């Protein structure tokens, strides 16, 4: 079933909402680990970033699955012969998401010879995370999320007006 018109705008907005929500999760994880010391094996936390996939690479089933399941809940005969049978959806498994989380950046050396975790030269290996950049990214992601919610509300209003005709 190919969706078009008003449903394609909902599909695009859903992709945007998913990406921005994941972006907010990743940013909060980066902020939480900004001052984290290396673990027992010496591995330093690496900054993560959400990269959006082109529209053709994301799974078409995520939106479609949720739409079909919602329609079935309302009335079973709305979508006769639909092939969607998976009730868990792609969102639970994380497959087919419109984004990809990648580790970027590296580590920085902080000079503190009195620290118990310092190496023989007096340096501590820390994640290379700039809190100010992360906060700017968080505000940007939050505004993009709000914009997508506004689009959904506008599409709902258009659909209501269309049904009144």
C-alpha atoms as a PDB file:
ATOM      1  CA  UNK A   1       0.000   0.000   0.000  1.00  0.00           C
ATOM      2  CA  UNK A   2       1.587   3.234  -1.134  1.00  0.00           C
ATOM      3  CA  UNK A   3       0.647   6.229   0.953  1.00  0.00           C
ATOM      4  CA  UNK A   4       0.318   9.647  -0.589  1.00  0.00           C
ATOM      5  CA  UNK A   5      -1.170  13.053   0.029  1.00  0.00           C
ATOM      6  CA  UNK A   6      -1.865  13.755   3.663  1.00  0.00           C
ATOM      7  CA  UNK A   7      -0.376  10.449   4.796  1.00  0.00           C
ATOM      8  CA  UNK A   8       2.987  11.177   3.212  1.00  0.00           C
ATOM      9  CA  UNK A   9       3.232  14.355   5.290  1.00  0.00           C
ATOM     10  CA  UNK A  10       2.436  12.334   8.420  1.00  0.00           C
ATOM     11  CA  UNK A  11       5.051   9.778   7.448  1.00  0.00           C
ATOM     12  CA  UNK A  12       7.703  12.455   6.946  1.00  0.00           C
ATOM     13  CA  UNK A  13       6.770  14.105  10.229  1.00  0.00           C
ATOM     14  CA  UNK A  14       6.927  10.772  12.046  1.00  0.00           C
ATOM     15  CA  UNK A  15      10.475  10.290  10.711  1.00  0.00           C
ATOM     16  CA  UNK A  16      11.354  13.752  11.999  1.00  0.00           C
ATOM     17  CA  UNK A  17       9.862  13.091  15.424  1.00  0.00           C
ATOM     18  CA  UNK A  18      11.736   9.792  15.714  1.00  0.00           C
ATOM     19  CA  UNK A  19      15.032  11.374  14.716  1.00  0.00           C
ATOM     20  CA  UNK A  20      14.683  14.355  17.043  1.00  0.00           C
ATOM     21  CA  UNK A  21      13.662  12.182  19.999  1.00  0.00           C
ATOM     22  CA  UNK A  22      16.690   9.957  19.470  1.00  0.00           C
ATOM     23  CA  UNK A  23      18.870  13.046  19.058  1.00  0.00           C
ATOM     24  CA  UNK A  24      17.667  14.337  22.443  1.00  0.00           C
ATOM     25  CA  UNK A  25      18.395  10.950  24.053  1.00  0.00           C
ATOM     26  CA  UNK A  26      21.917  10.842  22.601  1.00  0.00           C
ATOM     27  CA  UNK A  27      22.668  14.430  23.631  1.00  0.00           C
ATOM     28  CA  UNK A  28      21.575  13.736  27.205  1.00  0.00           C
ATOM     29  CA  UNK A  29      23.779  10.637  27.240  1.00  0.00           C
ATOM     30  CA  UNK A  30      26.734  12.725  26.036  1.00  0.00           C
ATOM     31  CA  UNK A  31      26.136  15.368  28.712  1.00  0.00           C
ATOM     32  CA  UNK A  32      25.845  12.701  31.412  1.00  0.00           C
ATOM     33  CA  UNK A  33      29.172  11.148  30.374  1.00  0.00           C
ATOM     34  CA  UNK A  34      31.119  14.372  29.722  1.00  0.00           C
ATOM     35  CA  UNK A  35      33.190  14.043  32.900  1.00  0.00           C
ATOM     36  CA  UNK A  36      33.334  10.259  33.013  1.00  0.00           C
ATOM     37  CA  UNK A  37      36.706   8.727  33.729  1.00  0.00           C
ATOM     38  CA  UNK A  38      37.984   5.743  31.755  1.00  0.00           C
ATOM     39  CA  UNK A  39      36.577   2.376  32.786  1.00  0.00           C
ATOM     40  CA  UNK A  40      38.650  -0.445  34.256  1.00  0.00           C
ATOM     41  CA  UNK A  41      40.106  -1.414  30.876  1.00  0.00           C
ATOM     42  CA  UNK A  42      41.076   2.188  30.089  1.00  0.00           C
ATOM     43  CA  UNK A  43      38.336   2.763  27.530  1.00  0.00           C
ATOM     44  CA  UNK A  44      37.112   6.361  27.371  1.00  0.00           C
ATOM     45  CA  UNK A  45      33.479   7.202  26.547  1.00  0.00           C
ATOM     46  CA  UNK A  46      33.215   8.503  22.984  1.00  0.00           C
ATOM     47  CA  UNK A  47      30.766  11.223  22.010  1.00  0.00           C
ATOM     48  CA  UNK A  48      27.786   9.934  20.020  1.00  0.00           C
ATOM     49  CA  UNK A  49      25.882  11.627  17.247  1.00  0.00           C
ATOM     50  CA  UNK A  50      22.646  10.887  15.396  1.00  0.00           C
ATOM     51  CA  UNK A  51      22.946  10.803  11.615  1.00  0.00           C
ATOM     52  CA  UNK A  52      19.762  10.824   9.551  1.00  0.00           C
ATOM     53  CA  UNK A  53      19.492   8.252   6.784  1.00  0.00           C
ATOM     54  CA  UNK A  54      18.186   9.260   3.371  1.00  0.00           C
ATOM     55  CA  UNK A  55      14.438   8.655   3.059  1.00  0.00           C
ATOM     56  CA  UNK A  56      14.843   5.595   0.833  1.00  0.00           C
ATOM     57  CA  UNK A  57      17.066   3.753   3.312  1.00  0.00           C
ATOM     58  CA  UNK A  58      14.683   3.801   6.275  1.00  0.00           C
ATOM     59  CA  UNK A  59      12.242   0.956   6.617  1.00  0.00           C
ATOM     60  CA  UNK A  60       8.875   1.650   5.072  1.00  0.00           C
ATOM     61  CA  UNK A  61       7.273  -0.722   7.571  1.00  0.00           C
ATOM     62  CA  UNK A  62       7.612   1.442  10.653  1.00  0.00           C
ATOM     63  CA  UNK A  63       4.982   4.042   9.720  1.00  0.00           C
ATOM     64  CA  UNK A  64       2.941   1.561   7.752  1.00  0.00           C
ATOM     65  CA  UNK A  65       2.861  -0.969  10.580  1.00  0.00           C
ATOM     66  CA  UNK A  66       1.674   1.572  13.109  1.00  0.00           C
ATOM     67  CA  UNK A  67      -0.914   3.028  10.728  1.00  0.00           C
ATOM     68  CA  UNK A  68      -2.380  -0.361   9.831  1.00  0.00           C
ATOM     69  CA  UNK A  69      -2.501  -1.477  13.460  1.00  0.00           C
ATOM     70  CA  UNK A  70      -4.266   1.735  14.450  1.00  0.00           C
ATOM     71  CA  UNK A  71      -6.820   1.319  11.672  1.00  0.00           C
ATOM     72  CA  UNK A  72      -7.417  -2.307  12.669  1.00  0.00           C
ATOM     73  CA  UNK A  73      -8.025  -1.243  16.249  1.00  0.00           C
ATOM     74  CA  UNK A  74     -10.705   1.162  15.036  1.00  0.00           C
ATOM     75  CA  UNK A  75     -12.395  -1.097  12.533  1.00  0.00           C
ATOM     76  CA  UNK A  76     -11.017  -4.306  11.070  1.00  0.00           C
ATOM     77  CA  UNK A  77     -12.508  -3.965   7.586  1.00  0.00           C
ATOM     78  CA  UNK A  78     -10.882  -0.565   6.889  1.00  0.00           C
ATOM     79  CA  UNK A  79      -7.839  -2.224   5.364  1.00  0.00           C
ATOM     80  CA  UNK A  80      -8.876  -5.590   3.900  1.00  0.00           C
ATOM     81  CA  UNK A  81      -6.127  -7.936   2.772  1.00  0.00           C
ATOM     82  CA  UNK A  82      -3.368  -6.074   4.528  1.00  0.00           C
ATOM     83  CA  UNK A  83      -0.196  -8.089   4.912  1.00  0.00           C
ATOM     84  CA  UNK A  84       0.932  -6.511   8.171  1.00  0.00           C
ATOM     85  CA  UNK A  85       0.873  -9.131  10.917  1.00  0.00           C
ATOM     86  CA  UNK A  86       3.739  -8.031  13.186  1.00  0.00           C
ATOM     87  CA  UNK A  87       2.228  -6.552  16.329  1.00  0.00           C
ATOM     88  CA  UNK A  88       5.555  -5.692  17.932  1.00  0.00           C
ATOM     89  CA  UNK A  89       6.502  -3.101  15.297  1.00  0.00           C
ATOM     90  CA  UNK A  90       9.955  -2.078  14.204  1.00  0.00           C
ATOM     91  CA  UNK A  91      10.298   0.485  16.967  1.00  0.00           C
ATOM     92  CA  UNK A  92      10.771  -2.180  19.634  1.00  0.00           C
ATOM     93  CA  UNK A  93      13.622  -3.888  17.845  1.00  0.00           C
ATOM     94  CA  UNK A  94      15.224  -0.677  16.623  1.00  0.00           C
ATOM     95  CA  UNK A  95      15.349  -1.971  13.050  1.00  0.00           C
ATOM     96  CA  UNK A  96      14.476   0.289  10.185  1.00  0.00           C
ATOM     97  CA  UNK A  97      14.864   3.550  12.072  1.00  0.00           C
ATOM     98  CA  UNK A  98      15.309   6.742  10.016  1.00  0.00           C
ATOM     99  CA  UNK A  99      18.578   7.479  11.771  1.00  0.00           C
ATOM    100  CA  UNK A 100      21.847   5.901  12.796  1.00  0.00           C
ATOM    101  CA  UNK A 101      23.837   6.527  15.990  1.00  0.00           C
ATOM    102  CA  UNK A 102      27.578   6.859  15.431  1.00  0.00           C
ATOM    103  CA  UNK A 103      30.480   7.368  17.776  1.00  0.00           C
ATOM    104  CA  UNK A 104      32.470  10.462  16.840  1.00  0.00           C
ATOM    105  CA  UNK A 105      35.282  12.427  18.382  1.00  0.00           C
ATOM    106  CA  UNK A 106      37.890  11.049  20.632  1.00  0.00           C
ATOM    107  CA  UNK A 107      39.418  11.883  23.944  1.00  0.00           C
ATOM    108  CA  UNK A 108      41.158  14.849  25.452  1.00  0.00           C
ATOM    109  CA  UNK A 109      44.007  14.960  27.908  1.00  0.00           C
ATOM    110  CA  UNK A 110      43.481  16.956  31.099  1.00  0.00           C
ATOM    111  CA  UNK A 111      46.575  17.773  33.154  1.00  0.00           C
ATOM    112  CA  UNK A 112      46.012  16.894  36.816  1.00  0.00           C
ATOM    113  CA  UNK A 113      49.046  15.130  38.305  1.00  0.00           C
ATOM    114  CA  UNK A 114      47.390  14.785  41.744  1.00  0.00           C
ATOM    115  CA  UNK A 115      44.430  12.805  40.427  1.00  0.00           C
ATOM    116  CA  UNK A 116      44.534   9.050  41.222  1.00  0.00           C
ATOM    117  CA  UNK A 117      43.611   8.181  37.601  1.00  0.00           C
ATOM    118  CA  UNK A 118      46.429  10.279  36.092  1.00  0.00           C
ATOM    119  CA  UNK A 119      49.027   8.540  33.939  1.00  0.00           C
ATOM    120  CA  UNK A 120      52.795   8.772  34.506  1.00  0.00           C
ATOM    121  CA  UNK A 121      52.864  12.210  32.789  1.00  0.00           C
ATOM    122  CA  UNK A 122      50.059  13.584  34.996  1.00  0.00           C
ATOM    123  CA  UNK A 123      47.311  13.488  32.365  1.00  0.00           C
ATOM    124  CA  UNK A 124      43.792  12.114  32.692  1.00  0.00           C
ATOM    125  CA  UNK A 125      42.073  10.753  29.576  1.00  0.00           C
ATOM    126  CA  UNK A 126      38.595  12.296  29.333  1.00  0.00           C
ATOM    127  CA  UNK A 127      35.825  12.283  26.692  1.00  0.00           C
ATOM    128  CA  UNK A 128      36.106  15.120  24.163  1.00  0.00           C
ATOM    129  CA  UNK A 129      32.644  16.563  24.814  1.00  0.00           C
ATOM    130  CA  UNK A 130      31.890  20.280  24.819  1.00  0.00           C
ATOM    131  CA  UNK A 131      28.890  20.878  27.093  1.00  0.00           C
ATOM    132  CA  UNK A 132      28.044  24.190  25.395  1.00  0.00           C
ATOM    133  CA  UNK A 133      27.854  22.540  21.970  1.00  0.00           C
ATOM    134  CA  UNK A 134      25.706  19.767  23.405  1.00  0.00           C
ATOM    135  CA  UNK A 135      23.299  22.275  24.957  1.00  0.00           C
ATOM    136  CA  UNK A 136      23.026  24.185  21.663  1.00  0.00           C
ATOM    137  CA  UNK A 137      22.325  20.896  19.891  1.00  0.00           C
ATOM    138  CA  UNK A 138      19.703  20.086  22.536  1.00  0.00           C
ATOM    139  CA  UNK A 139      17.879  23.380  21.990  1.00  0.00           C
ATOM    140  CA  UNK A 140      18.027  22.829  18.227  1.00  0.00           C
ATOM    141  CA  UNK A 141      16.641  19.286  18.502  1.00  0.00           C
ATOM    142  CA  UNK A 142      13.929  20.442  20.879  1.00  0.00           C
ATOM    143  CA  UNK A 143      12.816  23.187  18.477  1.00  0.00           C
ATOM    144  CA  UNK A 144      12.827  20.758  15.546  1.00  0.00           C
ATOM    145  CA  UNK A 145      10.687  18.347  17.585  1.00  0.00           C
ATOM    146  CA  UNK A 146       8.234  21.158  18.381  1.00  0.00           C
ATOM    147  CA  UNK A 147       8.086  22.073  14.687  1.00  0.00           C
ATOM    148  CA  UNK A 148       7.205  18.482  13.790  1.00  0.00           C
ATOM    149  CA  UNK A 149       4.442  18.464  16.407  1.00  0.00           C
ATOM    150  CA  UNK A 150       3.078  21.668  14.872  1.00  0.00           C
ATOM    151  CA  UNK A 151       3.032  20.005  11.455  1.00  0.00           C
ATOM    152  CA  UNK A 152       1.083  17.051  12.839  1.00  0.00           C
ATOM    153  CA  UNK A 153      -1.453  19.406  14.400  1.00  0.00           C
ATOM    154  CA  UNK A 154      -1.816  21.286  11.101  1.00  0.00           C
ATOM    155  CA  UNK A 155      -2.312  18.016   9.198  1.00  0.00           C
ATOM    156  CA  UNK A 156      -4.970  16.969  11.702  1.00  0.00           C
ATOM    157  CA  UNK A 157      -6.790  20.259  11.173  1.00  0.00           C
ATOM    158  CA  UNK A 158      -6.639  19.819   7.387  1.00  0.00           C
ATOM    159  CA  UNK A 159      -8.021  16.294   7.732  1.00  0.00           C
ATOM    160  CA  UNK A 160     -10.877  17.547   9.954  1.00  0.00           C
ATOM    161  CA  UNK A 161     -11.778  20.278   7.492  1.00  0.00           C
ATOM    162  CA  UNK A 162     -11.656  17.790   4.631  1.00  0.00           C
ATOM    163  CA  UNK A 163     -14.128  15.515   6.421  1.00  0.00           C
ATOM    164  CA  UNK A 164     -16.503  18.457   6.929  1.00  0.00           C
ATOM    165  CA  UNK A 165     -16.820  18.992   3.165  1.00  0.00           C
END
